[in-house]
Amino acid sequence: MERKAWIDYMKFIAMALVVFHHSPPRYEPSHEQALIYVGMPMFFFASGYLFNIAKQKDFFTFLRQRARQLLVPYTTFFIVFYALWLVVGRRMAGPEEMAIDKLTPLWQFIKGRPDVVVAPFWFLATMFTLQLIYYPIRRYLSGYWPFVVAVLLCLSLLVLPDVDWMRYWNFDRALLYMPLFAFGNCCKRLVDSVSLSGLKWDNDARPAVSGPVTVLVMLLATAASMAFLIIAPVDMEPGLAYVLAPLASLLFIPLYVSLCKWVASVFGPSRVARNVAITGITFLGLQNYLIGIMKMIVSRLVGPEQLDENILWKFVIGFVVMLILYPLALIVERYFPWMLGKSRGSIK
């Protein structure tokens, strides 16, 4: 598939939102909920859009490919940071980390939920499980049916018992985010056709639906989505809000995609956005540690009270972390591609 600049912009923006979400100080829970659901779901959607079942010869070939792309970096980054955690990380983090048993991160790694050492890599474990579940659905169903099944599987979380095995390798999260992946995969025609100028089908000269109408519908859908994501954590039963939040995220995808296409048409392909998209796993793996270092530095310079009270520090820390992460991610991609399951780097 030809590289699409708007997908690179989408991943770049989503990564920045994830970094800003994790940067201190924190907003109110409802606002944080909205911020993370504008960022993280886009990675699932983009992965679904790029997924091509026709290129998969059989399930075992698919399994080996996904294990190399997802489980290799999951394992290599864990080994590196687990060793650092054992040597210095526990002491630097303070008494709470010192109270954690040394084997706890290892058990979490085996279960696919490495919360202590590389917490953001829940995404890799979730993506691996999600794609293993989605593969047979997409293999035997066509059209929009995989998306329908994905939505039903997501809604099944409302009635499935909350048992421990559901959390192994993020089986519950895989079902939760599957509609976003399936939407990107099953609705490519809609995704390709939508833009700020209107809906175009099959490269028609004139849009099938005019630009103002399309933009109005997308704005209303986005407003409804954001209202739900902000209000639901406060006014709705937690389990119901948790399941419906990713489905609500579907409503702002058309506007998100249209804006990214507009940026790509105005500014053209961006090398920076492309590199961030390619090195996204490294960004995820390193961002929490850099944010933690920045938090300690800023706390020493201005005091923890100022850091907790001034929301501007969230943007300062997030911006600085993005700047530092960029060259670090390029170094890993170019000189340590084996950590990412690659024989050589993708960036020249």
Protein backbone atom coordinates (compact mmCIF):
# COMPACT_ATOMS: atom_id res chain seq x y z
CA MET A 1 0.00 0.00 0.00
CA GLU A 2 1.26 3.44 -0.92
CA ARG A 3 2.23 5.48 2.12
CA LYS A 4 -0.46 8.02 2.98
CA ALA A 5 0.72 11.29 4.48
CA TRP A 6 -2.54 11.85 6.37
CA ILE A 7 -2.02 8.64 8.34
CA ASP A 8 1.43 9.86 9.38
CA TYR A 9 -0.11 13.14 10.57
CA MET A 10 -2.83 11.21 12.40
CA LYS A 11 -0.30 9.05 14.25
CA PHE A 12 1.88 12.06 15.04
CA ILE A 13 -1.04 13.96 16.59
CA ALA A 14 -2.22 10.86 18.45
CA MET A 15 1.27 10.28 19.88
CA ALA A 16 1.52 13.90 21.02
CA LEU A 17 -1.87 13.59 22.75
CA VAL A 18 -0.74 10.42 24.55
CA VAL A 19 2.44 12.15 25.76
CA PHE A 20 0.51 15.23 26.91
CA HIS A 21 -2.01 12.98 28.66
CA HIS A 22 0.74 11.32 30.72
CA SER A 23 2.53 14.61 31.48
CA PRO A 24 1.85 16.32 34.82
CA PRO A 25 -0.17 17.98 36.15
CA ARG A 26 -3.38 16.10 35.45
CA TYR A 27 -6.72 17.60 34.45
CA GLU A 28 -9.95 16.55 36.06
CA PRO A 29 -10.64 12.84 35.38
CA SER A 30 -13.35 13.61 32.84
CA HIS A 31 -11.04 15.84 30.80
CA GLU A 32 -8.22 13.30 30.96
CA GLN A 33 -10.66 10.66 29.72
CA ALA A 34 -11.51 12.79 26.69
CA LEU A 35 -7.83 13.50 25.97
CA ILE A 36 -6.74 9.86 25.95
CA TYR A 37 -9.77 8.78 23.89
CA VAL A 38 -8.90 11.33 21.22
CA GLY A 39 -5.37 9.93 21.00
CA MET A 40 -5.01 6.21 21.69
CA PRO A 41 -8.02 4.98 19.62
CA MET A 42 -6.46 6.44 16.50
CA PHE A 43 -3.66 3.87 16.66
CA PHE A 44 -6.20 1.05 16.61
CA PHE A 45 -8.12 2.70 13.79
CA ALA A 46 -4.97 3.32 11.69
CA SER A 47 -3.77 -0.28 12.25
CA GLY A 48 -7.13 -1.57 11.08
CA TYR A 49 -7.02 0.67 8.00
CA LEU A 50 -3.59 -0.70 7.06
CA PHE A 51 -4.53 -4.33 7.74
CA ASN A 52 -4.91 -6.35 4.53
CA ILE A 53 -6.26 -9.86 4.95
CA ALA A 54 -5.40 -10.67 1.31
CA LYS A 55 -1.69 -10.48 2.12
CA GLN A 56 -1.95 -13.13 4.83
CA LYS A 57 -1.27 -16.61 3.42
CA ASP A 58 -2.48 -18.50 6.46
CA PHE A 59 -3.00 -18.07 10.18
CA PHE A 60 0.42 -19.36 11.24
CA THR A 61 2.24 -17.05 8.84
CA PHE A 62 0.13 -14.21 10.20
CA LEU A 63 0.93 -15.29 13.77
CA ARG A 64 4.69 -15.29 13.13
CA GLN A 65 4.52 -11.87 11.49
CA ARG A 66 2.54 -10.29 14.33
CA ALA A 67 4.77 -11.95 16.94
CA ARG A 68 7.83 -10.40 15.29
CA GLN A 69 6.26 -6.96 14.99
CA LEU A 70 4.62 -6.81 18.41
CA LEU A 71 6.04 -9.40 20.79
CA VAL A 72 9.71 -8.83 19.98
CA PRO A 73 9.66 -5.14 21.01
CA TYR A 74 7.36 -6.04 23.91
CA THR A 75 10.02 -8.47 25.15
CA THR A 76 13.22 -6.51 24.39
CA PHE A 77 12.02 -3.26 25.95
CA PHE A 78 10.77 -5.15 29.00
CA ILE A 79 14.13 -6.87 29.52
CA VAL A 80 16.03 -3.57 29.29
CA PHE A 81 13.75 -1.64 31.64
CA TYR A 82 13.24 -4.53 34.05
CA ALA A 83 17.01 -4.71 34.51
CA LEU A 84 17.18 -0.93 35.03
CA TRP A 85 14.26 -1.10 37.46
CA LEU A 86 16.00 -3.77 39.53
CA VAL A 87 19.30 -1.85 39.64
CA VAL A 88 18.26 1.78 40.06
CA GLY A 89 14.60 2.36 39.18
CA ARG A 90 13.08 1.09 42.41
CA ARG A 91 15.31 3.30 44.55
CA MET A 92 14.73 6.40 42.43
CA ALA A 93 10.95 5.97 42.46
CA GLY A 94 10.74 5.81 46.25
CA PRO A 95 9.22 3.63 49.00
CA GLU A 96 6.15 2.58 47.02
CA GLU A 97 8.27 1.01 44.27
CA MET A 98 10.64 -0.54 46.82
CA ALA A 99 7.64 -2.28 48.39
CA ILE A 100 6.86 -4.07 45.11
CA ASP A 101 8.16 -7.63 44.97
CA LYS A 102 11.04 -8.04 42.51
CA LEU A 103 9.19 -10.76 40.61
CA THR A 104 5.95 -8.80 40.23
CA PRO A 105 6.98 -7.12 36.93
CA LEU A 106 7.95 -10.53 35.54
CA TRP A 107 4.53 -12.00 36.32
CA GLN A 108 2.90 -8.94 34.81
CA PHE A 109 4.98 -9.38 31.67
CA ILE A 110 3.87 -13.01 31.35
CA LYS A 111 0.22 -11.96 31.78
CA GLY A 112 0.55 -9.22 29.14
CA ARG A 113 -0.03 -6.31 31.54
CA PRO A 114 3.44 -4.90 32.39
CA ASP A 115 2.11 -2.09 34.61
CA VAL A 116 5.25 -1.56 36.72
CA VAL A 117 8.03 -1.52 34.11
CA VAL A 118 6.63 -0.60 30.68
CA ALA A 119 3.00 0.24 31.37
CA PRO A 120 2.28 1.79 27.90
CA PHE A 121 3.05 -1.56 26.30
CA TRP A 122 -0.41 -2.75 27.31
CA PHE A 123 -1.07 -1.44 23.81
CA LEU A 124 1.23 -4.01 22.15
CA ALA A 125 -0.24 -6.90 24.13
CA THR A 126 -3.76 -5.68 23.36
CA MET A 127 -3.03 -5.26 19.65
CA PHE A 128 -1.58 -8.77 19.46
CA THR A 129 -4.62 -10.34 21.12
CA LEU A 130 -7.03 -8.17 19.12
CA GLN A 131 -5.57 -9.17 15.77
CA LEU A 132 -5.55 -12.87 16.65
CA ILE A 133 -9.26 -12.64 17.44
CA TYR A 134 -10.04 -10.46 14.42
CA TYR A 135 -8.17 -12.60 11.88
CA PRO A 136 -10.71 -15.47 11.62
CA ILE A 137 -13.61 -13.00 11.71
CA ARG A 138 -12.20 -11.12 8.72
CA ARG A 139 -11.18 -14.32 6.96
CA TYR A 140 -14.69 -15.77 6.95
CA LEU A 141 -16.85 -12.61 6.87
CA SER A 142 -16.83 -9.85 4.27
CA GLY A 143 -18.30 -6.41 3.81
CA TYR A 144 -19.30 -4.62 7.00
CA TRP A 145 -20.02 -7.81 8.93
CA PRO A 146 -16.64 -7.91 10.73
CA PHE A 147 -17.39 -4.41 12.04
CA VAL A 148 -20.83 -5.52 13.24
CA VAL A 149 -19.31 -8.54 14.99
CA ALA A 150 -16.63 -6.33 16.55
CA VAL A 151 -19.26 -3.98 17.98
CA LEU A 152 -21.21 -6.93 19.41
CA LEU A 153 -18.04 -8.35 20.98
CA CYS A 154 -17.33 -4.97 22.54
CA LEU A 155 -20.87 -4.72 23.94
CA SER A 156 -20.54 -8.28 25.29
CA LEU A 157 -18.27 -6.82 27.98
CA LEU A 158 -21.43 -5.41 29.57
CA VAL A 159 -22.68 -8.93 30.33
CA LEU A 160 -19.51 -11.04 30.53
CA PRO A 161 -18.39 -11.77 34.08
CA ASP A 162 -15.49 -9.72 35.42
CA VAL A 163 -13.10 -12.62 35.96
CA ASP A 164 -9.32 -12.59 36.16
CA TRP A 165 -8.69 -14.57 32.96
CA MET A 166 -10.39 -11.82 30.93
CA ARG A 167 -7.46 -9.57 31.78
CA TYR A 168 -4.77 -12.00 30.65
CA TRP A 169 -3.09 -10.53 27.59
CA ASN A 170 -5.71 -7.79 27.70
CA PHE A 171 -8.46 -9.96 26.28
CA ASP A 172 -10.99 -7.49 27.70
CA ARG A 173 -9.22 -4.50 26.12
CA ALA A 174 -8.92 -6.34 22.81
CA LEU A 175 -12.71 -6.66 22.67
CA LEU A 176 -13.07 -3.07 23.86
CA TYR A 177 -10.99 -1.54 21.05
CA MET A 178 -11.87 -4.00 18.28
CA PRO A 179 -14.64 -1.78 16.78
CA LEU A 180 -12.07 0.94 16.07
CA PHE A 181 -9.77 -1.55 14.34
CA ALA A 182 -12.68 -3.08 12.41
CA PHE A 183 -14.02 0.33 11.38
CA GLY A 184 -10.68 1.24 9.84
CA ASN A 185 -10.50 -2.12 8.10
CA CYS A 186 -14.09 -2.50 6.87
CA CYS A 187 -14.97 1.11 6.08
CA LYS A 188 -11.98 2.09 3.92
CA ARG A 189 -14.24 3.36 1.14
CA LEU A 190 -15.90 5.79 3.52
CA VAL A 191 -12.56 6.80 5.04
CA ASP A 192 -11.00 7.36 1.62
CA SER A 193 -13.97 9.37 0.38
CA VAL A 194 -14.50 11.76 3.29
CA SER A 195 -12.85 15.19 3.32
CA LEU A 196 -13.64 18.78 4.23
CA SER A 197 -14.78 19.35 0.64
CA GLY A 198 -17.45 16.67 0.89
CA LEU A 199 -17.97 12.96 0.23
CA LYS A 200 -16.60 11.64 -3.05
CA TRP A 201 -17.30 8.13 -4.29
CA ASP A 202 -15.07 6.38 -6.81
CA ASN A 203 -13.09 9.54 -7.54
CA ASP A 204 -16.11 11.38 -8.97
CA ALA A 205 -15.42 14.87 -10.25
CA ARG A 206 -18.14 16.31 -8.00
CA PRO A 207 -18.70 15.33 -4.38
CA ALA A 208 -21.72 13.13 -3.72
CA VAL A 209 -22.40 15.22 -0.60
CA SER A 210 -21.39 18.88 -0.43
CA GLY A 211 -18.62 20.13 1.81
CA PRO A 212 -20.72 22.33 4.17
CA VAL A 213 -23.17 19.50 4.83
CA THR A 214 -20.37 17.01 5.44
CA VAL A 215 -18.51 19.37 7.76
CA LEU A 216 -21.68 20.17 9.72
CA VAL A 217 -22.47 16.48 10.22
CA MET A 218 -18.88 15.76 11.28
CA LEU A 219 -18.87 18.69 13.72
CA LEU A 220 -22.13 17.54 15.30
CA ALA A 221 -20.85 13.96 15.59
CA THR A 222 -17.58 15.18 17.13
CA ALA A 223 -19.44 17.43 19.59
CA ALA A 224 -21.65 14.52 20.66
CA SER A 225 -18.59 12.27 21.03
CA MET A 226 -16.62 14.77 23.12
CA ALA A 227 -19.66 15.57 25.29
CA PHE A 228 -20.08 11.88 26.04
CA LEU A 229 -16.37 11.35 26.79
CA ILE A 230 -16.33 14.31 29.20
CA ILE A 231 -19.65 13.65 30.94
CA ALA A 232 -19.72 9.83 31.02
CA PRO A 233 -16.93 9.30 33.63
CA VAL A 234 -18.80 11.61 36.04
CA ASP A 235 -22.48 10.87 35.47
CA MET A 236 -22.58 7.27 34.20
CA GLU A 237 -22.03 3.90 35.80
CA PRO A 238 -18.26 3.20 35.41
CA GLY A 239 -18.59 -0.14 33.62
CA LEU A 240 -21.04 1.23 31.08
CA ALA A 241 -18.94 4.36 30.44
CA TYR A 242 -15.84 2.19 30.02
CA VAL A 243 -17.44 0.04 27.31
CA LEU A 244 -19.17 2.86 25.43
CA ALA A 245 -16.20 5.27 25.35
CA PRO A 246 -14.36 3.58 22.43
CA LEU A 247 -17.64 3.38 20.50
CA ALA A 248 -18.14 7.10 21.11
CA SER A 249 -14.64 7.67 19.71
CA LEU A 250 -15.88 6.36 16.37
CA LEU A 251 -17.98 9.50 15.94
CA PHE A 252 -15.05 11.91 15.66
CA ILE A 253 -12.93 9.76 13.32
CA PRO A 254 -14.40 11.28 10.09
CA LEU A 255 -13.53 14.84 11.20
CA TYR A 256 -10.12 13.70 12.49
CA VAL A 257 -9.37 12.01 9.16
CA SER A 258 -10.63 15.00 7.15
CA LEU A 259 -8.45 17.45 9.10
CA CYS A 260 -5.39 15.22 8.68
CA LYS A 261 -6.08 14.98 4.93
CA TRP A 262 -6.40 18.77 4.76
CA VAL A 263 -3.07 19.22 6.58
CA ALA A 264 -1.43 16.72 4.22
CA SER A 265 -2.85 18.54 1.16
CA VAL A 266 -1.64 21.93 2.39
CA PHE A 267 1.78 21.02 3.78
CA GLY A 268 2.51 17.83 1.89
CA PRO A 269 4.25 14.79 3.40
CA SER A 270 6.12 15.53 6.62
CA ARG A 271 9.37 13.76 7.37
CA VAL A 272 8.92 14.41 11.08
CA ALA A 273 5.38 13.00 11.14
CA ARG A 274 6.52 10.02 9.08
CA ASN A 275 9.42 9.28 11.44
CA VAL A 276 7.22 9.54 14.53
CA ALA A 277 4.71 7.18 12.88
CA ILE A 278 7.46 4.67 12.09
CA THR A 279 9.06 4.86 15.55
CA GLY A 280 5.80 4.90 17.50
CA ILE A 281 6.66 1.79 19.55
CA THR A 282 9.87 3.41 20.79
CA PHE A 283 7.95 6.59 21.65
CA LEU A 284 5.50 4.53 23.70
CA GLY A 285 8.26 2.59 25.43
CA LEU A 286 10.35 5.61 26.48
CA GLN A 287 7.80 8.37 27.09
CA ASN A 288 6.82 7.51 30.68
CA TYR A 289 10.45 7.43 31.82
CA LEU A 290 11.29 10.75 30.20
CA ILE A 291 8.14 12.29 31.65
CA GLY A 292 9.17 11.03 35.08
CA ILE A 293 12.66 12.52 34.70
CA MET A 294 11.21 15.85 33.54
CA LYS A 295 8.81 15.83 36.49
CA MET A 296 11.69 15.42 38.95
CA ILE A 297 13.72 18.18 37.27
CA VAL A 298 10.83 20.67 37.18
CA SER A 299 9.85 19.84 40.78
CA ARG A 300 13.36 20.67 41.93
CA LEU A 301 13.45 23.89 39.93
CA VAL A 302 10.04 25.36 40.74
CA GLY A 303 8.73 23.17 43.54
CA PRO A 304 6.15 20.37 43.46
CA GLU A 305 3.33 22.76 44.40
CA GLN A 306 3.90 24.92 41.31
CA LEU A 307 4.06 21.81 39.12
CA ASP A 308 0.78 20.51 40.49
CA GLU A 309 -1.09 23.80 40.23
CA ASN A 310 0.07 25.34 36.93
CA ILE A 311 -1.51 23.51 33.99
CA LEU A 312 0.94 25.18 31.59
CA TRP A 313 3.62 22.78 32.81
CA LYS A 314 1.67 19.96 31.17
CA PHE A 315 2.29 21.46 27.75
CA VAL A 316 5.89 22.46 28.51
CA ILE A 317 6.81 18.97 29.74
CA GLY A 318 4.92 17.26 26.92
CA PHE A 319 6.59 19.42 24.28
CA VAL A 320 10.09 18.90 25.70
CA VAL A 321 9.53 15.14 26.00
CA MET A 322 8.43 14.97 22.35
CA LEU A 323 11.59 16.87 21.32
CA ILE A 324 13.86 14.52 23.29
CA LEU A 325 12.05 11.38 22.18
CA TYR A 326 12.44 12.16 18.50
CA PRO A 327 16.24 11.66 18.18
CA LEU A 328 16.20 8.79 20.70
CA ALA A 329 13.58 6.95 18.65
CA LEU A 330 15.60 7.49 15.46
CA ILE A 331 18.71 6.05 17.14
CA VAL A 332 16.83 2.92 18.20
CA GLU A 333 15.32 2.54 14.72
CA ARG A 334 18.63 2.92 12.92
CA TYR A 335 21.12 1.22 15.21
CA PHE A 336 19.04 -1.22 17.29
CA PRO A 337 16.34 -2.45 14.86
CA TRP A 338 16.51 -5.91 16.43
CA MET A 339 14.78 -4.44 19.48
CA LEU A 340 11.80 -3.74 17.22
CA GLY A 341 11.80 -7.12 15.47
CA LYS A 342 13.37 -5.68 12.34
CA SER A 343 16.43 -6.80 10.43
CA ARG A 344 17.19 -3.19 9.51
CA GLY A 345 15.76 0.23 10.23
CA SER A 346 12.96 1.70 8.16
CA ILE A 347 14.43 5.22 8.25
CA LYS A 348 17.22 6.11 5.88
